[in-house]
Structure formats: structure tokens, C-alpha cells
């Protein structure tokens, strides 16, 4: 596990998982991120993307891990009961939530998910040492060498935004949240001020948003406005609506690259559309290469045996004009 701060996307979809050829490049799994730094691993949300993450982690038993929830709507917790490390007695798994109000607790939420007539087995089926922890959105948390600030988000029944910091670098995870009319959400601006990466709820476009007002989500254009106001290096467009297939997201990627062009000081593009398998490392020097085929991003400064993403769906730097033509699925290679 590398020492530098990085995030890997295991699920980028919002609301419900999607399957089919039209979702192969950006992915159909719901929200799940893996953040690593200083020899420590944190997981954010347990959508369906946590299942493939769990299969990879199962090969590393015993593990000691923390899972932080933005909130507990179904698309963010539905993969938890398929997380392999929970079924290994040598593992320790701590679960955290900061949005719940009495009488609700995180343990009760998971227990209710795993009860008849919704589920065949109960919470007791877990073999790992499992802890359920509550905190209040707005508190600062310690995670080994990483520090984490939190803030409440504008979402039905509440949600928590996170800012993870390590070694002078920072990643913010802001989903699910609804924009606030004609003014920017100052809570988000302050939480994300000067961050290297802001991962933002971009379920809709500005044109679509009026039809979904009150549902608790935002737009990629609002993400742009917030990122600019907060001085964020890289905006990662995230929580894609199920109706937004690969072709639609290609269009968003090109529009976003045109609206926020160039490369940030962290070496990453100033705007990027998240897809499954994407890894962003603000601590590493980055290089971008295109031409003659799908654009490629190479982590020039990555340590040996680091997973490096190549063939990403759209490289905003190399393909701002949409000239690459057909794009192939992303794949991981070992450096």
C-alpha cells in the first residue's frame, strides 16, 4: 500500500446499479471509494462497488479497515452484506456514520436491512470483529496519519461530506447533496477550500435539475462553480444518474473539459469524469498522452507495482475537442 494519498473509484453510479453494454466504460456500480495513505485504507460508502473491492481485499487477510458512510440510503449501503472481509473472523471492520438522528443508529439501520422479509440472514452472520460508530457531521476525525474534517450536506434525512488530508494533500468527497438555489453552498466551499480533489454529486445537468428539485442531488455545472469558488485543483464528476449512459457521459466529459480546461497544480486535469477503476493520486507527478487511439494517463511518479490506469474513457486534456473517436473500456496495468 503506497504512502501517498490516493483515491480509487469502485462505484460511481447514483440511485441504482446499471448493467448493459451502454454502461461498460464508466461503470454501473453504485457509490464506493477506496482512499489510501500512510499505510492506512479507508472506504467511503458501501454501494454495489464494495463487492469487487471486498474480493480484492479478501486476498490480504487479515485486514483492519474503516468504512465511512455519507448516508444510509439504499444505493450507498446495498453492497455491504456482500463485502467479503465481513465474513472472515481474522478481520476487523469499523463502520462510521455522522448523519443519523435518534432513535436511528447505524447498527439498527444495517440490522433492519438484514431482516425478514428483506433478507435471508441476520447481522449475526458476520464473522469479523465489527464495530458501529456514530459521530456528528461537523466533527474532525483522526484516522492514523490521515486527518478528516466533516460537514453536513443538504440531502433528505441528512448526509455527511468528508475532507481527507495527508502529507499536505487533500481529497474531498461531497455526495449526496442538493444545490441551494441561486447561491453557492458555503459549507461545501469552506470544507473544500484549496483541496487537491473534490469528488462531487453530479447526478444531473443544469437543464435537468428543475425536474428533480427536492430529490437531494446536484449538477456537474454546480460542481464547477463550487470548485472555482473554493480554489479546488481537480473536480471529479461523480454519482452519475442511471439514465446517463456512456455516450451521455462522454458528452459531459467534453463539456466539462471545455468549461474547466487545463491541468491543476497537482498534475491532474482540472475536471474529470469518474469511472470504475480510475485512480487519482495528487501526490504523484502525472503525464497525459493521446493521439492514435484512446487517451492514456500515466502516473510518471508512481512507485513500483502501483496500479496505473490507462485507456480512460475520455482524457479531458488530450481530447477537449472530442477528436479521438470511438473510445475503448478502461483497463488496469501493473507498472
Protein backbone atom coordinates (compact mmCIF):
# COMPACT_ATOMS: atom_id res chain seq x y z
CA UNK A 1 0.00 0.00 0.00
CA UNK A 2 1.51 3.33 -1.10
CA UNK A 3 2.22 6.08 1.43
CA UNK A 4 0.94 8.95 -0.71
CA UNK A 5 -2.72 9.97 -0.70
CA UNK A 6 -4.80 8.46 -3.48
CA UNK A 7 -8.39 7.52 -4.26
CA UNK A 8 -9.68 4.63 -6.35
CA UNK A 9 -13.24 4.53 -7.66
CA UNK A 10 -15.06 1.19 -7.29
CA UNK A 11 -18.58 2.52 -7.89
CA UNK A 12 -19.58 5.83 -9.50
CA UNK A 13 -23.29 5.41 -10.25
CA UNK A 14 -26.13 7.01 -8.30
CA UNK A 15 -29.57 5.75 -7.22
CA UNK A 16 -29.46 2.23 -8.66
CA UNK A 17 -26.85 -0.01 -10.24
CA UNK A 18 -26.96 -0.43 -14.02
CA UNK A 19 -25.90 -3.21 -16.38
CA UNK A 20 -25.59 -3.45 -20.13
CA UNK A 21 -23.21 -2.59 -22.91
CA UNK A 22 -24.10 1.09 -22.67
CA UNK A 23 -22.53 1.30 -19.18
CA UNK A 24 -19.33 -0.69 -19.73
CA UNK A 25 -16.86 2.20 -19.85
CA UNK A 26 -17.98 4.36 -16.94
CA UNK A 27 -19.45 1.52 -14.91
CA UNK A 28 -22.76 0.63 -13.35
CA UNK A 29 -21.90 0.01 -9.69
CA UNK A 30 -23.17 2.42 -7.06
CA UNK A 31 -21.00 4.56 -4.80
CA UNK A 32 -17.81 3.17 -3.28
CA UNK A 33 -14.38 4.79 -2.93
CA UNK A 34 -11.11 3.45 -1.56
CA UNK A 35 -8.76 6.07 -0.10
CA UNK A 36 -5.24 5.07 0.98
CA UNK A 37 -2.32 6.91 2.57
CA UNK A 38 0.34 6.27 5.17
CA UNK A 39 -0.26 2.53 5.15
CA UNK A 40 -3.95 3.01 6.06
CA UNK A 41 -7.04 2.22 3.97
CA UNK A 42 -10.43 3.95 4.25
CA UNK A 43 -13.60 3.00 2.38
CA UNK A 44 -16.33 5.53 1.69
CA UNK A 45 -19.85 4.19 1.13
CA UNK A 46 -20.92 0.62 0.52
CA UNK A 47 -22.84 0.67 -2.73
CA UNK A 48 -22.54 -2.29 -5.09
CA UNK A 49 -18.97 -1.24 -5.89
CA UNK A 50 -17.83 -2.52 -2.50
CA UNK A 51 -18.30 -6.13 -3.61
CA UNK A 52 -15.39 -6.23 -6.10
CA UNK A 53 -13.30 -4.21 -3.64
CA UNK A 54 -14.02 -6.83 -0.98
CA UNK A 55 -12.96 -9.65 -3.30
CA UNK A 56 -9.60 -7.95 -3.80
CA UNK A 57 -9.15 -7.28 -0.07
CA UNK A 58 -10.04 -10.88 0.78
CA UNK A 59 -6.64 -11.89 -0.60
CA UNK A 60 -4.97 -9.67 2.02
CA UNK A 61 -6.49 -11.16 5.18
CA UNK A 62 -6.15 -10.28 8.00
CA UNK A 63 -7.18 -6.67 7.46
CA UNK A 64 -8.12 -3.78 9.73
CA UNK A 65 -10.37 -1.29 7.95
CA UNK A 66 -12.80 1.61 8.36
CA UNK A 67 -15.93 2.25 6.28
CA UNK A 68 -17.42 5.76 6.36
CA UNK A 69 -20.93 6.39 5.10
CA UNK A 70 -22.10 9.66 3.61
CA UNK A 71 -25.61 8.47 4.48
CA UNK A 72 -27.63 5.28 4.54
CA UNK A 73 -29.97 5.45 1.57
CA UNK A 74 -30.14 2.09 -0.14
CA UNK A 75 -27.78 2.79 -3.05
CA UNK A 76 -24.99 3.61 -0.56
CA UNK A 77 -25.37 0.56 1.70
CA UNK A 78 -26.77 -2.20 -0.52
CA UNK A 79 -23.36 -3.77 -1.16
CA UNK A 80 -22.34 -4.01 2.50
CA UNK A 81 -23.71 -7.51 3.05
CA UNK A 82 -21.66 -8.73 0.06
CA UNK A 83 -18.37 -7.34 1.41
CA UNK A 84 -16.19 -10.46 1.76
CA UNK A 85 -13.98 -9.24 4.65
CA UNK A 86 -17.03 -9.19 6.94
CA UNK A 87 -17.15 -12.99 6.73
CA UNK A 88 -13.57 -13.62 7.91
CA UNK A 89 -13.04 -13.82 11.67
CA UNK A 90 -9.45 -12.53 11.48
CA UNK A 91 -10.61 -9.16 10.14
CA UNK A 92 -11.63 -6.00 12.00
CA UNK A 93 -14.14 -3.66 10.34
CA UNK A 94 -15.31 -0.37 11.82
CA UNK A 95 -18.40 1.32 10.39
CA UNK A 96 -19.00 5.07 10.79
CA UNK A 97 -21.90 7.46 10.16
CA UNK A 98 -22.41 11.08 11.13
CA UNK A 99 -25.87 11.91 9.78
CA UNK A 100 -28.24 9.75 11.82
CA UNK A 101 -30.61 11.20 14.43
CA UNK A 102 -32.17 9.35 17.35
CA UNK A 103 -33.74 6.86 17.51
CA UNK A 104 -31.80 5.71 14.45
CA UNK A 105 -28.31 4.24 14.82
CA UNK A 106 -26.02 2.73 12.22
CA UNK A 107 -26.29 -0.71 13.78
CA UNK A 108 -30.10 -0.52 13.67
CA UNK A 109 -30.03 0.55 10.02
CA UNK A 110 -27.85 -2.40 8.98
CA UNK A 111 -29.81 -4.77 11.19
CA UNK A 112 -33.08 -3.61 9.63
CA UNK A 113 -31.63 -4.15 6.16
CA UNK A 114 -30.78 -7.73 7.12
CA UNK A 115 -34.13 -8.88 8.44
CA UNK A 116 -37.20 -10.69 7.11
CA UNK A 117 -38.82 -10.30 4.71
CA UNK A 118 -35.98 -8.37 3.04
CA UNK A 119 -33.00 -10.63 3.75
CA UNK A 120 -32.43 -14.33 4.46
CA UNK A 121 -29.86 -13.97 7.29
CA UNK A 122 -29.29 -11.54 10.16
CA UNK A 123 -26.43 -9.33 11.30
CA UNK A 124 -25.00 -12.21 13.32
CA UNK A 125 -23.78 -13.89 10.12
CA UNK A 126 -20.76 -11.55 10.07
CA UNK A 127 -17.65 -13.30 11.38
CA UNK A 128 -15.29 -10.31 11.52
CA UNK A 129 -14.97 -8.05 14.55
CA UNK A 130 -17.47 -5.35 13.58
CA UNK A 131 -17.89 -2.02 15.37
CA UNK A 132 -20.64 0.51 14.73
CA UNK A 133 -19.65 4.12 15.46
CA UNK A 134 -21.60 7.36 15.45
CA UNK A 135 -20.30 10.90 15.18
CA UNK A 136 -21.88 14.25 14.39
CA UNK A 137 -21.35 15.85 10.98
CA UNK A 138 -19.03 18.78 11.51
CA UNK A 139 -16.62 16.93 13.78
CA UNK A 140 -12.96 16.28 12.94
CA UNK A 141 -11.87 12.63 12.97
CA UNK A 142 -8.44 11.01 13.25
CA UNK A 143 -7.57 8.06 11.01
CA UNK A 144 -3.97 7.05 11.67
CA UNK A 145 -1.74 9.53 9.87
CA UNK A 146 -4.75 10.89 7.99
CA UNK A 147 -6.96 13.61 9.40
CA UNK A 148 -10.56 14.04 8.33
CA UNK A 149 -12.89 17.01 8.54
CA UNK A 150 -16.62 16.51 8.06
CA UNK A 151 -19.61 18.71 7.32
CA UNK A 152 -23.38 18.24 6.95
CA UNK A 153 -24.80 18.10 3.42
CA UNK A 154 -28.18 19.17 2.05
CA UNK A 155 -29.90 15.83 1.48
CA UNK A 156 -33.19 14.27 2.66
CA UNK A 157 -32.59 12.66 6.10
CA UNK A 158 -29.09 14.17 6.09
CA UNK A 159 -25.67 13.26 4.71
CA UNK A 160 -22.02 13.90 5.56
CA UNK A 161 -19.28 15.40 3.42
CA UNK A 162 -15.65 14.42 4.07
CA UNK A 163 -12.24 16.05 3.60
CA UNK A 164 -9.30 13.64 3.99
CA UNK A 165 -5.83 15.16 4.45
CA UNK A 166 -2.38 13.58 4.46
CA UNK A 167 1.09 14.92 3.73
CA UNK A 168 -0.20 18.32 2.68
CA UNK A 169 -2.63 16.83 0.12
CA UNK A 170 -6.40 16.62 0.37
CA UNK A 171 -9.38 14.80 -1.17
CA UNK A 172 -12.99 15.87 -0.57
CA UNK A 173 -15.96 13.55 -1.03
CA UNK A 174 -19.21 15.50 -1.45
CA UNK A 175 -22.26 13.36 -2.21
CA UNK A 176 -25.30 13.29 -1.90
CA UNK A 177 -26.15 16.98 -1.75
CA UNK A 178 -28.59 19.41 -3.37
CA UNK A 179 -27.58 22.84 -4.57
CA UNK A 180 -29.10 25.85 -2.85
CA UNK A 181 -30.94 27.93 -5.40
CA UNK A 182 -29.07 30.96 -6.70
CA UNK A 183 -26.31 30.91 -4.06
CA UNK A 184 -23.43 28.54 -3.52
CA UNK A 185 -23.44 26.22 -0.51
CA UNK A 186 -20.90 27.96 1.72
CA UNK A 187 -20.50 24.87 3.90
CA UNK A 188 -19.17 22.97 0.90
CA UNK A 189 -17.00 25.87 -0.25
CA UNK A 190 -15.30 26.09 3.15
CA UNK A 191 -14.85 22.33 3.53
CA UNK A 192 -13.27 22.05 0.08
CA UNK A 193 -11.24 25.27 0.07
CA UNK A 194 -7.86 24.63 -1.57
CA UNK A 195 -8.43 20.87 -1.88
CA UNK A 196 -6.48 18.91 -4.48
CA UNK A 197 -9.51 16.85 -5.49
CA UNK A 198 -13.25 17.38 -4.95
CA UNK A 199 -15.48 14.41 -5.79
CA UNK A 200 -18.94 15.90 -6.29
CA UNK A 201 -22.55 14.75 -6.70
CA UNK A 202 -23.17 15.48 -10.38
CA UNK A 203 -26.33 13.47 -10.90
CA UNK A 204 -27.91 15.96 -13.29
CA UNK A 205 -27.18 18.73 -15.73
CA UNK A 206 -28.37 22.26 -15.06
CA UNK A 207 -31.05 21.72 -17.71
CA UNK A 208 -32.32 18.54 -15.99
CA UNK A 209 -32.22 19.80 -12.41
CA UNK A 210 -35.59 21.65 -12.27
CA UNK A 211 -37.41 18.35 -12.88
CA UNK A 212 -35.70 16.78 -9.85
CA UNK A 213 -35.67 19.63 -7.37
CA UNK A 214 -36.10 18.27 -3.84
CA UNK A 215 -34.55 14.88 -4.61
CA UNK A 216 -31.31 15.84 -2.88
CA UNK A 217 -28.85 15.94 -5.78
CA UNK A 218 -26.85 18.44 -7.77
CA UNK A 219 -25.34 19.09 -11.21
CA UNK A 220 -21.86 18.90 -12.68
CA UNK A 221 -22.10 22.59 -13.57
CA UNK A 222 -22.76 23.44 -9.91
CA UNK A 223 -19.71 21.34 -9.10
CA UNK A 224 -17.72 23.59 -11.43
CA UNK A 225 -18.99 26.72 -9.70
CA UNK A 226 -18.20 25.33 -6.25
CA UNK A 227 -14.75 24.10 -7.31
CA UNK A 228 -13.87 27.51 -8.73
CA UNK A 229 -15.15 29.34 -5.63
CA UNK A 230 -13.20 27.02 -3.32
CA UNK A 231 -9.99 27.03 -5.37
CA UNK A 232 -10.14 23.26 -5.89
CA UNK A 233 -7.48 21.72 -8.11
CA UNK A 234 -9.46 18.87 -9.70
CA UNK A 235 -13.22 18.37 -9.88
CA UNK A 236 -14.20 14.69 -10.21
CA UNK A 237 -17.73 14.39 -11.61
CA UNK A 238 -19.47 11.56 -9.75
CA UNK A 239 -22.78 9.83 -8.87
CA UNK A 240 -23.94 9.51 -12.46
CA UNK A 241 -27.67 9.21 -12.99
CA UNK A 242 -28.82 5.77 -14.27
CA UNK A 243 -30.18 7.41 -17.43
CA UNK A 244 -26.73 8.76 -18.31
CA UNK A 245 -25.06 6.05 -20.39
CA UNK A 246 -21.51 6.04 -21.77
CA UNK A 247 -22.40 8.23 -24.75
CA UNK A 248 -24.04 10.81 -22.49
CA UNK A 249 -21.09 10.81 -20.09
CA UNK A 250 -18.65 11.26 -22.99
CA UNK A 251 -20.54 14.45 -23.79
CA UNK A 252 -20.35 15.60 -20.17
CA UNK A 253 -16.60 14.92 -20.13
CA UNK A 254 -16.03 17.06 -23.20
CA UNK A 255 -18.21 19.89 -21.95
CA UNK A 256 -16.52 19.80 -18.55
CA UNK A 257 -13.04 19.88 -20.12
CA UNK A 258 -14.03 22.91 -22.17
CA UNK A 259 -15.56 24.67 -19.16
CA UNK A 260 -12.59 23.96 -16.85
CA UNK A 261 -9.62 23.33 -19.14
CA UNK A 262 -6.04 22.62 -18.35
CA UNK A 263 -4.07 20.87 -15.65
CA UNK A 264 -4.10 21.70 -11.93
CA UNK A 265 -1.00 22.20 -9.82
CA UNK A 266 -1.45 18.63 -8.56
CA UNK A 267 -0.73 17.34 -12.09
CA UNK A 268 -4.30 16.18 -12.70
CA UNK A 269 -6.83 17.68 -15.14
CA UNK A 270 -8.96 20.44 -13.63
CA UNK A 271 -12.10 18.43 -14.48
CA UNK A 272 -12.54 14.70 -14.95
CA UNK A 273 -15.49 12.31 -15.08
CA UNK A 274 -15.07 9.46 -12.60
CA UNK A 275 -15.38 5.89 -13.82
CA UNK A 276 -14.83 2.50 -12.23
CA UNK A 277 -11.14 1.68 -11.89
CA UNK A 278 -9.98 5.30 -12.03
CA UNK A 279 -7.22 6.10 -9.55
CA UNK A 280 -6.28 9.70 -8.75
CA UNK A 281 -3.05 10.47 -6.90
CA UNK A 282 -2.47 14.16 -6.19
CA UNK A 283 0.89 13.36 -4.61
CA UNK A 284 2.31 11.87 -7.85
CA UNK A 285 3.53 13.68 -10.94
CA UNK A 286 1.11 12.97 -13.78
CA UNK A 287 1.54 12.83 -17.54
CA UNK A 288 -1.14 12.65 -20.22
CA UNK A 289 -0.80 11.13 -23.65
CA UNK A 290 -3.20 10.89 -26.53
CA UNK A 291 -3.17 10.52 -30.28
CA UNK A 292 -3.54 7.46 -32.46
CA UNK A 293 -6.11 5.90 -30.15
CA UNK A 294 -7.67 6.33 -26.72
CA UNK A 295 -6.07 8.90 -24.48
CA UNK A 296 -3.86 7.50 -21.75
CA UNK A 297 -2.90 8.84 -18.34
CA UNK A 298 0.39 7.62 -16.95
CA UNK A 299 1.41 8.08 -13.32
CA UNK A 300 5.02 9.00 -14.01
CA UNK A 301 5.92 9.33 -10.35
CA UNK A 302 4.07 6.25 -9.12
CA UNK A 303 6.07 3.75 -7.04
CA UNK A 304 6.87 0.28 -8.45
CA UNK A 305 3.94 -2.17 -8.69
CA UNK A 306 1.44 0.65 -8.34
CA UNK A 307 -1.71 0.15 -10.37
CA UNK A 308 -1.81 2.73 -13.16
CA UNK A 309 -4.90 3.47 -15.18
CA UNK A 310 -4.66 3.50 -18.96
CA UNK A 311 -7.26 3.94 -21.66
CA UNK A 312 -9.61 6.09 -19.58
CA UNK A 313 -12.94 6.87 -21.29
CA UNK A 314 -12.11 10.49 -22.11
CA UNK A 315 -8.90 12.33 -21.32
CA UNK A 316 -10.06 15.94 -20.86
CA UNK A 317 -6.61 17.28 -21.71
CA UNK A 318 -5.91 15.28 -24.83
CA UNK A 319 -9.50 15.15 -26.08
CA UNK A 320 -11.02 18.52 -25.21
CA UNK A 321 -12.21 18.80 -28.79
CA UNK A 322 -13.70 15.31 -28.95
CA UNK A 323 -11.36 14.25 -31.74
CA UNK A 324 -10.44 10.77 -30.56
CA UNK A 325 -13.44 8.96 -31.99
CA UNK A 326 -14.54 5.61 -30.51
CA UNK A 327 -13.19 5.03 -27.03
CA UNK A 328 -12.33 1.68 -25.51
CA UNK A 329 -13.04 0.44 -21.97
CA UNK A 330 -10.51 1.35 -19.29
CA UNK A 331 -8.12 -1.30 -18.10
CA UNK A 332 -5.52 -1.59 -15.38
CA UNK A 333 -1.92 -2.48 -15.97
CA UNK A 334 0.83 -3.07 -13.48
CA UNK A 335 3.70 -0.59 -13.62
